[in-house]
Amino acid sequence: MGVKTGWPCSWKPSEVGADRIVNGVAAFHRYGGVIVVDFGTAVTFDAISAKGEYLGGVIAPGLGISSEALFARAARLPRVEIKDPAK
């Protein structure tokens, strides 16, 4: 079964998560060529051309994973709570 996004691409949809496909298609239809950044468990960056072509992407550890590693390995760095600011 193919992924029907109306999105011209040379990549295999099975190689990119559904969340990244949806983000890319939605951002392209709203803004055109764009770099989509999604902050979640991971931080993903996906580049979409002005023609709607998926150019590629990168995935990196998210804020929670990064902060846990930093607190666990950095000398004398106190653990702090990460939460949404009031304003």
PDB file of N, CA and C in Angstrom:
ATOM      1  N   MET A   1       0.843  -1.180   0.000  1.00  0.00           N
ATOM      2  CA  MET A   1       0.000   0.000   0.000  1.00  0.00           C
ATOM      3  C   MET A   1       0.888   1.243   0.000  1.00  0.00           C
ATOM      4  N   GLY A   2       0.674   2.152  -0.908  1.00  0.00           N
ATOM      5  CA  GLY A   2       1.473   3.369  -1.011  1.00  0.00           C
ATOM      6  C   GLY A   2       0.938   4.474  -0.111  1.00  0.00           C
ATOM      7  N   VAL A   3       1.798   5.429   0.148  1.00  0.00           N
ATOM      8  CA  VAL A   3       1.418   6.603   0.913  1.00  0.00           C
ATOM      9  C   VAL A   3       0.971   7.658  -0.084  1.00  0.00           C
ATOM     10  N   LYS A   4      -0.295   8.070  -0.023  1.00  0.00           N
ATOM     11  CA  LYS A   4      -0.834   9.036  -0.978  1.00  0.00           C
ATOM     12  C   LYS A   4      -0.823  10.424  -0.353  1.00  0.00           C
ATOM     13  N   THR A   5       0.278  11.135  -0.563  1.00  0.00           N
ATOM     14  CA  THR A   5       0.429  12.466   0.025  1.00  0.00           C
ATOM     15  C   THR A   5       0.338  13.568  -1.014  1.00  0.00           C
ATOM     16  N   GLY A   6       0.471  13.230  -2.299  1.00  0.00           N
ATOM     17  CA  GLY A   6       0.556  14.252  -3.326  1.00  0.00           C
ATOM     18  C   GLY A   6       1.905  14.950  -3.293  1.00  0.00           C
ATOM     19  N   TRP A   7       2.844  14.340  -2.639  1.00  0.00           N
ATOM     20  CA  TRP A   7       4.162  14.912  -2.400  1.00  0.00           C
ATOM     21  C   TRP A   7       5.174  14.234  -3.308  1.00  0.00           C
ATOM     22  N   PRO A   8       5.754  14.958  -4.292  1.00  0.00           N
ATOM     23  CA  PRO A   8       6.747  14.322  -5.155  1.00  0.00           C
ATOM     24  C   PRO A   8       8.017  14.011  -4.358  1.00  0.00           C
ATOM     25  N   CYS A   9       8.487  12.787  -4.470  1.00  0.00           N
ATOM     26  CA  CYS A   9       9.678  12.436  -3.699  1.00  0.00           C
ATOM     27  C   CYS A   9      10.392  11.251  -4.335  1.00  0.00           C
ATOM     28  N   SER A  10      11.671  11.138  -4.023  1.00  0.00           N
ATOM     29  CA  SER A  10      12.455  10.009  -4.510  1.00  0.00           C
ATOM     30  C   SER A  10      12.819   9.073  -3.364  1.00  0.00           C
ATOM     31  N   TRP A  11      12.351   9.389  -2.147  1.00  0.00           N
ATOM     32  CA  TRP A  11      12.662   8.581  -0.975  1.00  0.00           C
ATOM     33  C   TRP A  11      11.572   7.542  -0.755  1.00  0.00           C
ATOM     34  N   LYS A  12      11.851   6.601   0.091  1.00  0.00           N
ATOM     35  CA  LYS A  12      10.884   5.560   0.413  1.00  0.00           C
ATOM     36  C   LYS A  12      10.150   5.945   1.692  1.00  0.00           C
ATOM     37  N   PRO A  13       8.829   6.098   1.646  1.00  0.00           N
ATOM     38  CA  PRO A  13       8.079   6.494   2.842  1.00  0.00           C
ATOM     39  C   PRO A  13       8.328   5.591   4.047  1.00  0.00           C
ATOM     40  N   SER A  14       8.670   4.331   3.814  1.00  0.00           N
ATOM     41  CA  SER A  14       8.933   3.423   4.928  1.00  0.00           C
ATOM     42  C   SER A  14      10.215   3.784   5.677  1.00  0.00           C
ATOM     43  N   GLU A  15      11.060   4.640   5.082  1.00  0.00           N
ATOM     44  CA  GLU A  15      12.308   5.037   5.714  1.00  0.00           C
ATOM     45  C   GLU A  15      12.176   6.278   6.591  1.00  0.00           C
ATOM     46  N   VAL A  16      11.010   6.915   6.564  1.00  0.00           N
ATOM     47  CA  VAL A  16      10.764   8.127   7.343  1.00  0.00           C
ATOM     48  C   VAL A  16       9.505   7.897   8.165  1.00  0.00           C
ATOM     49  N   GLY A  17       9.523   8.299   9.429  1.00  0.00           N
ATOM     50  CA  GLY A  17       8.371   8.101  10.294  1.00  0.00           C
ATOM     51  C   GLY A  17       7.138   8.851   9.813  1.00  0.00           C
ATOM     52  N   ALA A  18       5.970   8.310  10.130  1.00  0.00           N
ATOM     53  CA  ALA A  18       4.709   8.921   9.715  1.00  0.00           C
ATOM     54  C   ALA A  18       4.580  10.353  10.225  1.00  0.00           C
ATOM     55  N   ASP A  19       5.084  10.616  11.429  1.00  0.00           N
ATOM     56  CA  ASP A  19       5.001  11.976  11.975  1.00  0.00           C
ATOM     57  C   ASP A  19       5.767  12.963  11.115  1.00  0.00           C
ATOM     58  N   ARG A  20       6.909  12.550  10.598  1.00  0.00           N
ATOM     59  CA  ARG A  20       7.730  13.433   9.761  1.00  0.00           C
ATOM     60  C   ARG A  20       7.089  13.637   8.392  1.00  0.00           C
ATOM     61  N   ILE A  21       6.446  12.611   7.862  1.00  0.00           N
ATOM     62  CA  ILE A  21       5.731  12.747   6.593  1.00  0.00           C
ATOM     63  C   ILE A  21       4.586  13.744   6.755  1.00  0.00           C
ATOM     64  N   VAL A  22       3.788  13.565   7.795  1.00  0.00           N
ATOM     65  CA  VAL A  22       2.657  14.463   8.038  1.00  0.00           C
ATOM     66  C   VAL A  22       3.131  15.896   8.259  1.00  0.00           C
ATOM     67  N   ASN A  23       4.176  16.075   9.059  1.00  0.00           N
ATOM     68  CA  ASN A  23       4.721  17.425   9.287  1.00  0.00           C
ATOM     69  C   ASN A  23       5.169  18.062   7.973  1.00  0.00           C
ATOM     70  N   GLY A  24       5.884  17.306   7.153  1.00  0.00           N
ATOM     71  CA  GLY A  24       6.400  17.834   5.898  1.00  0.00           C
ATOM     72  C   GLY A  24       5.308  18.188   4.912  1.00  0.00           C
ATOM     73  N   VAL A  25       4.330  17.307   4.764  1.00  0.00           N
ATOM     74  CA  VAL A  25       3.229  17.564   3.835  1.00  0.00           C
ATOM     75  C   VAL A  25       2.435  18.787   4.291  1.00  0.00           C
ATOM     76  N   ALA A  26       2.113  18.850   5.574  1.00  0.00           N
ATOM     77  CA  ALA A  26       1.334  19.984   6.097  1.00  0.00           C
ATOM     78  C   ALA A  26       2.100  21.295   5.948  1.00  0.00           C
ATOM     79  N   ALA A  27       3.385  21.301   6.295  1.00  0.00           N
ATOM     80  CA  ALA A  27       4.185  22.525   6.196  1.00  0.00           C
ATOM     81  C   ALA A  27       4.322  22.967   4.747  1.00  0.00           C
ATOM     82  N   PHE A  28       4.520  22.019   3.835  1.00  0.00           N
ATOM     83  CA  PHE A  28       4.636  22.376   2.425  1.00  0.00           C
ATOM     84  C   PHE A  28       3.345  22.992   1.907  1.00  0.00           C
ATOM     85  N   HIS A  29       2.217  22.384   2.224  1.00  0.00           N
ATOM     86  CA  HIS A  29       0.935  22.903   1.732  1.00  0.00           C
ATOM     87  C   HIS A  29       0.602  24.269   2.333  1.00  0.00           C
ATOM     88  N   ARG A  30       1.093  24.516   3.517  1.00  0.00           N
ATOM     89  CA  ARG A  30       0.821  25.816   4.162  1.00  0.00           C
ATOM     90  C   ARG A  30       1.828  26.893   3.765  1.00  0.00           C
ATOM     91  N   TYR A  31       3.119  26.527   3.676  1.00  0.00           N
ATOM     92  CA  TYR A  31       4.171  27.527   3.488  1.00  0.00           C
ATOM     93  C   TYR A  31       4.999  27.373   2.221  1.00  0.00           C
ATOM     94  N   GLY A  32       4.933  26.250   1.543  1.00  0.00           N
ATOM     95  CA  GLY A  32       5.808  26.014   0.392  1.00  0.00           C
ATOM     96  C   GLY A  32       7.119  25.417   0.864  1.00  0.00           C
ATOM     97  N   GLY A  33       8.213  25.759   0.200  1.00  0.00           N
ATOM     98  CA  GLY A  33       9.529  25.242   0.597  1.00  0.00           C
ATOM     99  C   GLY A  33       9.848  25.663   2.014  1.00  0.00           C
ATOM    100  N   VAL A  34      10.340  24.715   2.797  1.00  0.00           N
ATOM    101  CA  VAL A  34      10.476  24.991   4.223  1.00  0.00           C
ATOM    102  C   VAL A  34      11.420  23.987   4.881  1.00  0.00           C
ATOM    103  N   ILE A  35      11.944  24.365   6.028  1.00  0.00           N
ATOM    104  CA  ILE A  35      12.625  23.420   6.910  1.00  0.00           C
ATOM    105  C   ILE A  35      11.714  23.243   8.115  1.00  0.00           C
ATOM    106  N   VAL A  36      11.306  22.018   8.355  1.00  0.00           N
ATOM    107  CA  VAL A  36      10.399  21.703   9.451  1.00  0.00           C
ATOM    108  C   VAL A  36      11.229  21.242  10.645  1.00  0.00           C
ATOM    109  N   VAL A  37      11.004  21.847  11.804  1.00  0.00           N
ATOM    110  CA  VAL A  37      11.678  21.439  13.036  1.00  0.00           C
ATOM    111  C   VAL A  37      10.604  20.977  14.011  1.00  0.00           C
ATOM    112  N   ASP A  38      10.749  19.762  14.515  1.00  0.00           N
ATOM    113  CA  ASP A  38       9.777  19.194  15.447  1.00  0.00           C
ATOM    114  C   ASP A  38      10.504  18.810  16.729  1.00  0.00           C
ATOM    115  N   PHE A  39      10.071  19.404  17.846  1.00  0.00           N
ATOM    116  CA  PHE A  39      10.663  19.108  19.145  1.00  0.00           C
ATOM    117  C   PHE A  39       9.767  18.110  19.863  1.00  0.00           C
ATOM    118  N   GLY A  40      10.266  16.922  20.088  1.00  0.00           N
ATOM    119  CA  GLY A  40       9.537  15.882  20.802  1.00  0.00           C
ATOM    120  C   GLY A  40      10.538  15.035  21.560  1.00  0.00           C
ATOM    121  N   THR A  41      10.294  13.735  21.640  1.00  0.00           N
ATOM    122  CA  THR A  41      11.273  12.839  22.239  1.00  0.00           C
ATOM    123  C   THR A  41      12.597  13.003  21.521  1.00  0.00           C
ATOM    124  N   ALA A  42      12.496  13.187  20.216  1.00  0.00           N
ATOM    125  CA  ALA A  42      13.661  13.533  19.393  1.00  0.00           C
ATOM    126  C   ALA A  42      13.383  14.901  18.770  1.00  0.00           C
ATOM    127  N   VAL A  43      14.433  15.554  18.324  1.00  0.00           N
ATOM    128  CA  VAL A  43      14.285  16.785  17.548  1.00  0.00           C
ATOM    129  C   VAL A  43      14.584  16.408  16.101  1.00  0.00           C
ATOM    130  N   THR A  44      13.622  16.666  15.216  1.00  0.00           N
ATOM    131  CA  THR A  44      13.824  16.336  13.811  1.00  0.00           C
ATOM    132  C   THR A  44      13.840  17.597  12.969  1.00  0.00           C
ATOM    133  N   PHE A  45      14.662  17.578  11.940  1.00  0.00           N
ATOM    134  CA  PHE A  45      14.757  18.648  10.965  1.00  0.00           C
ATOM    135  C   PHE A  45      14.531  18.009   9.604  1.00  0.00           C
ATOM    136  N   ASP A  46      13.572  18.515   8.836  1.00  0.00           N
ATOM    137  CA  ASP A  46      13.299  17.979   7.504  1.00  0.00           C
ATOM    138  C   ASP A  46      13.213  19.132   6.516  1.00  0.00           C
ATOM    139  N   ALA A  47      13.923  19.011   5.396  1.00  0.00           N
ATOM    140  CA  ALA A  47      13.949  20.055   4.375  1.00  0.00           C
ATOM    141  C   ALA A  47      13.030  19.670   3.212  1.00  0.00           C
ATOM    142  N   ILE A  48      12.152  20.619   2.851  1.00  0.00           N
ATOM    143  CA  ILE A  48      11.216  20.428   1.754  1.00  0.00           C
ATOM    144  C   ILE A  48      11.484  21.538   0.734  1.00  0.00           C
ATOM    145  N   SER A  49      11.674  21.184  -0.538  1.00  0.00           N
ATOM    146  CA  SER A  49      11.975  22.185  -1.563  1.00  0.00           C
ATOM    147  C   SER A  49      10.717  22.973  -1.928  1.00  0.00           C
ATOM    148  N   ALA A  50      10.904  24.046  -2.673  1.00  0.00           N
ATOM    149  CA  ALA A  50       9.785  24.859  -3.159  1.00  0.00           C
ATOM    150  C   ALA A  50       8.879  24.064  -4.102  1.00  0.00           C
ATOM    151  N   LYS A  51       9.411  22.959  -4.677  1.00  0.00           N
ATOM    152  CA  LYS A  51       8.617  22.087  -5.549  1.00  0.00           C
ATOM    153  C   LYS A  51       7.918  20.992  -4.752  1.00  0.00           C
ATOM    154  N   GLY A  52       8.151  20.940  -3.449  1.00  0.00           N
ATOM    155  CA  GLY A  52       7.537  19.923  -2.614  1.00  0.00           C
ATOM    156  C   GLY A  52       8.341  18.648  -2.501  1.00  0.00           C
ATOM    157  N   GLU A  53       9.590  18.676  -2.909  1.00  0.00           N
ATOM    158  CA  GLU A  53      10.436  17.483  -2.831  1.00  0.00           C
ATOM    159  C   GLU A  53      11.037  17.361  -1.434  1.00  0.00           C
ATOM    160  N   TYR A  54      10.998  16.173  -0.895  1.00  0.00           N
ATOM    161  CA  TYR A  54      11.655  15.916   0.392  1.00  0.00           C
ATOM    162  C   TYR A  54      13.150  15.830   0.111  1.00  0.00           C
ATOM    163  N   LEU A  55      13.906  16.783   0.642  1.00  0.00           N
ATOM    164  CA  LEU A  55      15.345  16.846   0.366  1.00  0.00           C
ATOM    165  C   LEU A  55      16.183  16.036   1.344  1.00  0.00           C
ATOM    166  N   GLY A  56      15.638  15.788   2.517  1.00  0.00           N
ATOM    167  CA  GLY A  56      16.359  15.010   3.518  1.00  0.00           C
ATOM    168  C   GLY A  56      16.072  15.539   4.904  1.00  0.00           C
ATOM    169  N   GLY A  57      16.588  14.838   5.884  1.00  0.00           N
ATOM    170  CA  GLY A  57      16.336  15.237   7.256  1.00  0.00           C
ATOM    171  C   GLY A  57      17.369  14.690   8.212  1.00  0.00           C
ATOM    172  N   VAL A  58      17.269  15.176   9.428  1.00  0.00           N
ATOM    173  CA  VAL A  58      18.190  14.791  10.494  1.00  0.00           C
ATOM    174  C   VAL A  58      17.367  14.560  11.754  1.00  0.00           C
ATOM    175  N   ILE A  59      17.794  13.620  12.559  1.00  0.00           N
ATOM    176  CA  ILE A  59      17.146  13.368  13.841  1.00  0.00           C
ATOM    177  C   ILE A  59      18.204  13.461  14.932  1.00  0.00           C
ATOM    178  N   ALA A  60      17.853  14.137  16.024  1.00  0.00           N
ATOM    179  CA  ALA A  60      18.775  14.339  17.143  1.00  0.00           C
ATOM    180  C   ALA A  60      18.032  14.054  18.449  1.00  0.00           C
ATOM    181  N   PRO A  61      18.766  13.815  19.536  1.00  0.00           N
ATOM    182  CA  PRO A  61      18.098  13.586  20.818  1.00  0.00           C
ATOM    183  C   PRO A  61      17.259  14.796  21.214  1.00  0.00           C
ATOM    184  N   GLY A  62      16.133  14.545  21.834  1.00  0.00           N
ATOM    185  CA  GLY A  62      15.262  15.613  22.289  1.00  0.00           C
ATOM    186  C   GLY A  62      15.767  16.258  23.570  1.00  0.00           C
ATOM    187  N   LEU A  63      15.036  17.258  24.034  1.00  0.00           N
ATOM    188  CA  LEU A  63      15.423  18.008  25.212  1.00  0.00           C
ATOM    189  C   LEU A  63      15.528  17.121  26.454  1.00  0.00           C
ATOM    190  N   GLY A  64      14.552  16.258  26.661  1.00  0.00           N
ATOM    191  CA  GLY A  64      14.569  15.391  27.843  1.00  0.00           C
ATOM    192  C   GLY A  64      15.752  14.441  27.851  1.00  0.00           C
ATOM    193  N   ILE A  65      15.992  13.776  26.730  1.00  0.00           N
ATOM    194  CA  ILE A  65      17.111  12.839  26.624  1.00  0.00           C
ATOM    195  C   ILE A  65      18.438  13.570  26.784  1.00  0.00           C
ATOM    196  N   SER A  66      18.555  14.725  26.137  1.00  0.00           N
ATOM    197  CA  SER A  66      19.794  15.502  26.220  1.00  0.00           C
ATOM    198  C   SER A  66      20.063  15.980  27.638  1.00  0.00           C
ATOM    199  N   SER A  67      19.029  16.475  28.309  1.00  0.00           N
ATOM    200  CA  SER A  67      19.233  16.978  29.669  1.00  0.00           C
ATOM    201  C   SER A  67      19.584  15.843  30.627  1.00  0.00           C
ATOM    202  N   GLU A  68      18.968  14.687  30.472  1.00  0.00           N
ATOM    203  CA  GLU A  68      19.304  13.543  31.332  1.00  0.00           C
ATOM    204  C   GLU A  68      20.770  13.168  31.175  1.00  0.00           C
ATOM    205  N   ALA A  69      21.242  13.115  29.946  1.00  0.00           N
ATOM    206  CA  ALA A  69      22.645  12.776  29.694  1.00  0.00           C
ATOM    207  C   ALA A  69      23.567  13.844  30.275  1.00  0.00           C
ATOM    208  N   LEU A  70      23.194  15.102  30.123  1.00  0.00           N
ATOM    209  CA  LEU A  70      24.011  16.192  30.628  1.00  0.00           C
ATOM    210  C   LEU A  70      24.101  16.149  32.154  1.00  0.00           C
ATOM    211  N   PHE A  71      22.955  15.973  32.820  1.00  0.00           N
ATOM    212  CA  PHE A  71      22.957  15.922  34.287  1.00  0.00           C
ATOM    213  C   PHE A  71      23.724  14.709  34.807  1.00  0.00           C
ATOM    214  N   ALA A  72      23.643  13.607  34.088  1.00  0.00           N
ATOM    215  CA  ALA A  72      24.320  12.382  34.523  1.00  0.00           C
ATOM    216  C   ALA A  72      25.834  12.451  34.337  1.00  0.00           C
ATOM    217  N   ARG A  73      26.323  13.225  33.374  1.00  0.00           N
ATOM    218  CA  ARG A  73      27.740  13.173  33.035  1.00  0.00           C
ATOM    219  C   ARG A  73      28.526  14.454  33.296  1.00  0.00           C
ATOM    220  N   ALA A  74      27.847  15.559  33.521  1.00  0.00           N
ATOM    221  CA  ALA A  74      28.576  16.821  33.732  1.00  0.00           C
ATOM    222  C   ALA A  74      28.905  16.988  35.215  1.00  0.00           C
ATOM    223  N   ALA A  75      30.119  17.357  35.484  1.00  0.00           N
ATOM    224  CA  ALA A  75      30.550  17.569  36.866  1.00  0.00           C
ATOM    225  C   ALA A  75      29.891  18.817  37.436  1.00  0.00           C
ATOM    226  N   ARG A  76      29.377  18.687  38.639  1.00  0.00           N
ATOM    227  CA  ARG A  76      28.843  19.808  39.403  1.00  0.00           C
ATOM    228  C   ARG A  76      27.675  20.532  38.755  1.00  0.00           C
ATOM    229  N   LEU A  77      26.963  19.863  37.890  1.00  0.00           N
ATOM    230  CA  LEU A  77      25.786  20.474  37.277  1.00  0.00           C
ATOM    231  C   LEU A  77      24.554  19.955  38.001  1.00  0.00           C
ATOM    232  N   PRO A  78      23.851  20.836  38.716  1.00  0.00           N
ATOM    233  CA  PRO A  78      22.677  20.363  39.459  1.00  0.00           C
ATOM    234  C   PRO A  78      21.522  20.033  38.515  1.00  0.00           C
ATOM    235  N   ARG A  79      20.739  19.070  38.889  1.00  0.00           N
ATOM    236  CA  ARG A  79      19.555  18.711  38.106  1.00  0.00           C
ATOM    237  C   ARG A  79      18.509  19.799  38.293  1.00  0.00           C
ATOM    238  N   VAL A  80      17.915  20.231  37.197  1.00  0.00           N
ATOM    239  CA  VAL A  80      16.854  21.237  37.255  1.00  0.00           C
ATOM    240  C   VAL A  80      15.622  20.676  36.533  1.00  0.00           C
ATOM    241  N   GLU A  81      14.473  21.144  36.960  1.00  0.00           N
ATOM    242  CA  GLU A  81      13.238  20.718  36.333  1.00  0.00           C
ATOM    243  C   GLU A  81      13.033  21.509  35.036  1.00  0.00           C
ATOM    244  N   ILE A  82      12.681  20.811  33.972  1.00  0.00           N
ATOM    245  CA  ILE A  82      12.400  21.482  32.716  1.00  0.00           C
ATOM    246  C   ILE A  82      10.887  21.513  32.567  1.00  0.00           C
ATOM    247  N   LYS A  83      10.332  22.719  32.492  1.00  0.00           N
ATOM    248  CA  LYS A  83       8.882  22.854  32.365  1.00  0.00           C
ATOM    249  C   LYS A  83       8.558  24.079  31.525  1.00  0.00           C
ATOM    250  N   ASP A  84       7.311  24.159  31.094  1.00  0.00           N
ATOM    251  CA  ASP A  84       6.881  25.310  30.320  1.00  0.00           C
ATOM    252  C   ASP A  84       6.920  26.564  31.174  1.00  0.00           C
ATOM    253  N   PRO A  85       7.407  27.662  30.620  1.00  0.00           N
ATOM    254  CA  PRO A  85       7.412  28.918  31.387  1.00  0.00           C
ATOM    255  C   PRO A  85       5.991  29.463  31.514  1.00  0.00           C
ATOM    256  N   ALA A  86       5.754  30.260  32.558  1.00  0.00           N
ATOM    257  CA  ALA A  86       4.423  30.850  32.758  1.00  0.00           C
ATOM    258  C   ALA A  86       4.088  31.813  31.628  1.00  0.00           C
ATOM    259  N   LYS A  87       5.084  32.491  31.120  1.00  0.00           N
ATOM    260  CA  LYS A  87       4.865  33.459  30.022  1.00  0.00           C
ATOM    261  C   LYS A  87       5.813  33.153  28.877  1.00  0.00           C
TER     262      LYS A  87
END
